[in-house]
C-alpha atoms as a PDB file:
ATOM      1  CA  MET A   1     -51.209   0.169  44.314  1.00  0.00           C
ATOM      2  CA  LYS A   2     -52.625  -3.338  44.308  1.00  0.00           C
ATOM      3  CA  SER A   3     -53.540  -3.036  40.608  1.00  0.00           C
ATOM      4  CA  TYR A   4     -49.941  -2.154  39.667  1.00  0.00           C
ATOM      5  CA  ALA A   5     -48.678  -5.295  41.386  1.00  0.00           C
ATOM      6  CA  THR A   6     -51.331  -7.404  39.657  1.00  0.00           C
ATOM      7  CA  VAL A   7     -50.518  -5.962  36.198  1.00  0.00           C
ATOM      8  CA  GLY A   8     -46.789  -6.448  36.794  1.00  0.00           C
ATOM      9  CA  ALA A   9     -47.205 -10.054  37.931  1.00  0.00           C
ATOM     10  CA  VAL A  10     -49.444 -10.923  34.962  1.00  0.00           C
ATOM     11  CA  SER A  11     -46.975  -9.295  32.549  1.00  0.00           C
ATOM     12  CA  MET A  12     -44.068 -11.262  33.996  1.00  0.00           C
ATOM     13  CA  PHE A  13     -45.967 -14.563  33.798  1.00  0.00           C
ATOM     14  CA  ALA A  14     -46.995 -13.801  30.196  1.00  0.00           C
ATOM     15  CA  ALA A  15     -43.391 -13.004  29.213  1.00  0.00           C
ATOM     16  CA  LEU A  16     -42.133 -16.150  30.944  1.00  0.00           C
ATOM     17  CA  GLY A  17     -44.775 -18.235  29.182  1.00  0.00           C
ATOM     18  CA  ALA A  18     -43.864 -16.760  25.791  1.00  0.00           C
ATOM     19  CA  ALA A  19     -40.175 -17.450  26.400  1.00  0.00           C
ATOM     20  CA  ILE A  20     -40.863 -21.079  27.344  1.00  0.00           C
ATOM     21  CA  ALA A  21     -43.075 -21.517  24.287  1.00  0.00           C
ATOM     22  CA  LEU A  22     -40.387 -20.116  21.970  1.00  0.00           C
ATOM     23  CA  LEU A  23     -37.734 -22.389  23.462  1.00  0.00           C
ATOM     24  CA  ALA A  24     -39.985 -25.443  23.057  1.00  0.00           C
ATOM     25  CA  TRP A  25     -40.977 -24.619  19.474  1.00  0.00           C
ATOM     26  CA  ASP A  26     -38.717 -26.083  16.771  1.00  0.00           C
ATOM     27  CA  GLY A  27     -38.934 -23.626  13.911  1.00  0.00           C
ATOM     28  CA  THR A  28     -36.856 -25.716  11.489  1.00  0.00           C
ATOM     29  CA  LYS A  29     -39.681 -28.212  10.925  1.00  0.00           C
ATOM     30  CA  SER A  30     -42.033 -25.701   9.387  1.00  0.00           C
ATOM     31  CA  SER A  31     -39.526 -23.515   7.543  1.00  0.00           C
ATOM     32  CA  PRO A  32     -38.297 -24.458   4.054  1.00  0.00           C
ATOM     33  CA  ALA A  33     -34.763 -25.751   3.668  1.00  0.00           C
ATOM     34  CA  MET A  34     -32.213 -23.012   3.005  1.00  0.00           C
ATOM     35  CA  PRO A  35     -30.400 -23.420  -0.318  1.00  0.00           C
ATOM     36  CA  ASP A  36     -26.617 -23.406  -0.430  1.00  0.00           C
ATOM     37  CA  ILE A  37     -25.064 -19.973  -0.814  1.00  0.00           C
ATOM     38  CA  ASP A  38     -24.620 -19.056  -4.459  1.00  0.00           C
ATOM     39  CA  PRO A  39     -20.981 -18.084  -5.133  1.00  0.00           C
ATOM     40  CA  ILE A  40     -20.450 -14.628  -6.617  1.00  0.00           C
ATOM     41  CA  THR A  41     -17.512 -13.921  -8.872  1.00  0.00           C
ATOM     42  CA  SER A  42     -16.332 -10.330  -8.884  1.00  0.00           C
ATOM     43  CA  ALA A  43     -13.525  -8.508 -10.648  1.00  0.00           C
ATOM     44  CA  SER A  44     -13.023  -6.240  -7.658  1.00  0.00           C
ATOM     45  CA  VAL A  45     -10.434  -8.596  -6.187  1.00  0.00           C
ATOM     46  CA  PRO A  46      -7.491  -9.342  -8.509  1.00  0.00           C
ATOM     47  CA  SER A  47      -6.452 -12.901  -9.090  1.00  0.00           C
ATOM     48  CA  ALA A  48      -3.727 -14.092  -6.765  1.00  0.00           C
ATOM     49  CA  GLN A  49      -0.217 -13.624  -8.109  1.00  0.00           C
ATOM     50  CA  PRO A  50       3.006 -13.895  -6.190  1.00  0.00           C
ATOM     51  CA  THR A  51       4.085 -10.438  -5.034  1.00  0.00           C
ATOM     52  CA  ASP A  52       7.687 -11.190  -6.044  1.00  0.00           C
ATOM     53  CA  GLN A  53       6.590 -11.646  -9.644  1.00  0.00           C
ATOM     54  CA  LEU A  54       4.706  -8.339  -9.605  1.00  0.00           C
ATOM     55  CA  ALA A  55       7.671  -6.494  -8.092  1.00  0.00           C
ATOM     56  CA  ASP A  56      10.137  -8.030 -10.566  1.00  0.00           C
ATOM     57  CA  ASP A  57       8.095  -6.935 -13.595  1.00  0.00           C
ATOM     58  CA  ALA A  58       7.432  -3.391 -12.404  1.00  0.00           C
ATOM     59  CA  ILE A  59       9.284  -0.430 -13.885  1.00  0.00           C
ATOM     60  CA  THR A  60       8.745   2.833 -12.026  1.00  0.00           C
ATOM     61  CA  ARG A  61       9.429   6.196 -13.610  1.00  0.00           C
ATOM     62  CA  PHE A  62      10.268   9.399 -11.749  1.00  0.00           C
ATOM     63  CA  THR A  63      10.763  13.018 -12.680  1.00  0.00           C
ATOM     64  CA  VAL A  64      13.895  14.337 -10.988  1.00  0.00           C
ATOM     65  CA  SER A  65      14.027  18.107 -10.469  1.00  0.00           C
ATOM     66  CA  ASN A  66      16.951  20.188  -9.301  1.00  0.00           C
ATOM     67  CA  LEU A  67      15.216  23.240  -7.858  1.00  0.00           C
ATOM     68  CA  ASP A  68      18.501  25.166  -7.598  1.00  0.00           C
ATOM     69  CA  THR A  69      19.339  24.915 -11.319  1.00  0.00           C
ATOM     70  CA  ASP A  70      15.761  24.584 -12.683  1.00  0.00           C
ATOM     71  CA  THR A  71      16.573  21.349 -14.520  1.00  0.00           C
ATOM     72  CA  VAL A  72      14.427  18.221 -14.875  1.00  0.00           C
ATOM     73  CA  CYS A  73      14.908  14.735 -16.294  1.00  0.00           C
ATOM     74  CA  LEU A  74      13.224  11.326 -16.305  1.00  0.00           C
ATOM     75  CA  VAL A  75      14.671   8.219 -14.653  1.00  0.00           C
ATOM     76  CA  GLU A  76      13.579   4.594 -14.276  1.00  0.00           C
ATOM     77  CA  ARG A  77      13.777   2.192 -11.372  1.00  0.00           C
ATOM     78  CA  GLY A  78      13.710  -1.183 -13.073  1.00  0.00           C
ATOM     79  CA  LYS A  79      13.532  -4.820 -12.200  1.00  0.00           C
ATOM     80  CA  SER A  80      14.862  -6.206  -8.936  1.00  0.00           C
ATOM     81  CA  ALA A  81      18.507  -7.148  -8.845  1.00  0.00           C
ATOM     82  CA  LEU A  82      20.307  -9.121  -6.154  1.00  0.00           C
ATOM     83  CA  GLY A  83      19.749  -8.299  -2.480  1.00  0.00           C
ATOM     84  CA  ARG A  84      18.000  -5.035  -1.686  1.00  0.00           C
ATOM     85  CA  GLY A  85      19.172  -3.315  -4.861  1.00  0.00           C
ATOM     86  CA  THR A  86      17.169  -2.575  -7.989  1.00  0.00           C
ATOM     87  CA  ASP A  87      18.288  -1.678 -11.506  1.00  0.00           C
ATOM     88  CA  PHE A  88      18.332   2.064 -12.161  1.00  0.00           C
ATOM     89  CA  SER A  89      18.755   4.026 -15.371  1.00  0.00           C
ATOM     90  CA  ALA A  90      18.907   7.705 -16.271  1.00  0.00           C
ATOM     91  CA  GLU A  91      19.346   9.382 -19.644  1.00  0.00           C
ATOM     92  CA  ALA A  92      22.395  11.515 -20.457  1.00  0.00           C
ATOM     93  CA  ASP A  93      20.398  14.741 -19.927  1.00  0.00           C
ATOM     94  CA  CYS A  94      20.231  13.863 -16.209  1.00  0.00           C
ATOM     95  CA  GLU A  95      23.850  15.039 -15.919  1.00  0.00           C
ATOM     96  CA  ALA A  96      22.415  18.588 -16.031  1.00  0.00           C
ATOM     97  CA  VAL A  97      20.257  17.768 -12.993  1.00  0.00           C
ATOM     98  CA  TRP A  98      23.108  16.267 -10.955  1.00  0.00           C
ATOM     99  CA  PRO A  99      26.651  15.266 -11.993  1.00  0.00           C
ATOM    100  CA  GLY A 100      26.934  11.476 -11.976  1.00  0.00           C
ATOM    101  CA  LEU A 101      23.163  10.823 -12.026  1.00  0.00           C
ATOM    102  CA  ALA A 102      23.329   9.439 -15.591  1.00  0.00           C
ATOM    103  CA  ALA A 103      26.031   6.992 -14.421  1.00  0.00           C
ATOM    104  CA  ALA A 104      23.928   5.607 -11.541  1.00  0.00           C
ATOM    105  CA  ARG A 105      23.019   1.930 -12.037  1.00  0.00           C
ATOM    106  CA  SER A 106      21.612   0.712  -8.713  1.00  0.00           C
ATOM    107  CA  TRP A 107      18.716   1.847  -6.501  1.00  0.00           C
ATOM    108  CA  ILE A 108      19.427   0.518  -2.991  1.00  0.00           C
ATOM    109  CA  GLU A 109      16.697   0.511  -0.338  1.00  0.00           C
ATOM    110  CA  ASN A 110      18.288   1.200   3.063  1.00  0.00           C
ATOM    111  CA  GLY A 111      16.824  -0.126   6.307  1.00  0.00           C
ATOM    112  CA  ASP A 112      15.811   3.344   7.523  1.00  0.00           C
ATOM    113  CA  GLY A 113      13.552   4.086   4.524  1.00  0.00           C
ATOM    114  CA  SER A 114      16.144   6.052   2.603  1.00  0.00           C
ATOM    115  CA  VAL A 115      17.390   5.161  -0.882  1.00  0.00           C
ATOM    116  CA  THR A 116      20.960   5.371  -2.192  1.00  0.00           C
ATOM    117  CA  LEU A 117      21.815   5.544  -5.886  1.00  0.00           C
ATOM    118  CA  THR A 118      25.189   4.026  -6.770  1.00  0.00           C
ATOM    119  CA  ASP A 119      27.229   3.802  -9.958  1.00  0.00           C
ATOM    120  CA  GLU A 120      28.596   0.535 -11.354  1.00  0.00           C
ATOM    121  CA  ARG A 121      31.619   0.686  -8.978  1.00  0.00           C
ATOM    122  CA  GLY A 122      29.301   1.008  -5.969  1.00  0.00           C
ATOM    123  CA  THR A 123      30.094   4.671  -5.306  1.00  0.00           C
ATOM    124  CA  ALA A 124      27.148   6.619  -3.899  1.00  0.00           C
ATOM    125  CA  VAL A 125      25.763   9.267  -6.272  1.00  0.00           C
ATOM    126  CA  LEU A 126      22.804  10.498  -4.163  1.00  0.00           C
ATOM    127  CA  THR A 127      20.959   9.454  -1.017  1.00  0.00           C
ATOM    128  CA  MET A 128      17.262  10.293  -0.767  1.00  0.00           C
ATOM    129  CA  GLY A 129      14.560  10.136   1.859  1.00  0.00           C
ATOM    130  CA  THR A 130      10.798  10.589   1.811  1.00  0.00           C
ATOM    131  CA  ALA A 131       9.626  14.201   1.637  1.00  0.00           C
ATOM    132  CA  ARG A 132       6.402  16.126   2.156  1.00  0.00           C
ATOM    133  CA  GLY A 133       4.741  16.775  -1.210  1.00  0.00           C
ATOM    134  CA  PHE A 134       7.240  14.599  -3.107  1.00  0.00           C
ATOM    135  CA  ASP A 135       8.126  10.923  -3.125  1.00  0.00           C
ATOM    136  CA  TYR A 136      11.782  11.615  -2.296  1.00  0.00           C
ATOM    137  CA  ALA A 137      14.136  14.504  -1.611  1.00  0.00           C
ATOM    138  CA  THR A 138      17.931  14.409  -1.536  1.00  0.00           C
ATOM    139  CA  ILE A 139      19.562  13.912   1.870  1.00  0.00           C
ATOM    140  CA  GLU A 140      23.209  13.447   0.805  1.00  0.00           C
ATOM    141  CA  PRO A 141      24.938  15.552  -0.300  1.00  0.00           C
ATOM    142  CA  SER A 142      23.354  18.062   2.046  1.00  0.00           C
ATOM    143  CA  GLY A 143      22.243  21.460   0.827  1.00  0.00           C
ATOM    144  CA  VAL A 144      21.155  20.101  -2.566  1.00  0.00           C
ATOM    145  CA  ASP A 145      17.502  20.710  -3.467  1.00  0.00           C
ATOM    146  CA  ILE A 146      16.668  17.733  -5.716  1.00  0.00           C
ATOM    147  CA  THR A 147      13.157  16.266  -5.577  1.00  0.00           C
ATOM    148  CA  TRP A 148      11.706  13.044  -6.980  1.00  0.00           C
ATOM    149  CA  LEU A 149       8.107  12.558  -8.074  1.00  0.00           C
ATOM    150  CA  GLN A 150       6.808   9.155  -9.195  1.00  0.00           C
ATOM    151  CA  LEU A 151       4.883   9.162 -12.469  1.00  0.00           C
ATOM    152  CA  PRO A 152       1.577   7.265 -12.708  1.00  0.00           C
END
């Protein structure tokens, strides 16, 4: 039992001595000076551009499908307009997908995450919300099975 106490005491004094020696030693005198960090330029981070400029220049295309009538057409959400609205355009063949869709001119983002398409008089054509498996699905008028899928 006495030998365990002796070994423990010697170990503690040795550890204490090593700690004091490390604190007293100034390692910067013998180590070489560290060079400045070399800057790395990478293309993984895009150059900074205002997000407003990126949003204004973006044109997004969607396929619009009426699952009840098996019709499909292509539409474009264009550049930002005033307020929360965005330019919208649809070809004449979109009339087969939904009456009035070709006349829609504005894509309006609502505060609840839904989107309303309006014609040039401001009359609502369709109101959409996010949907599982699609980007949007029609909310108003109800009972209509029209889906929207954004093209890459």
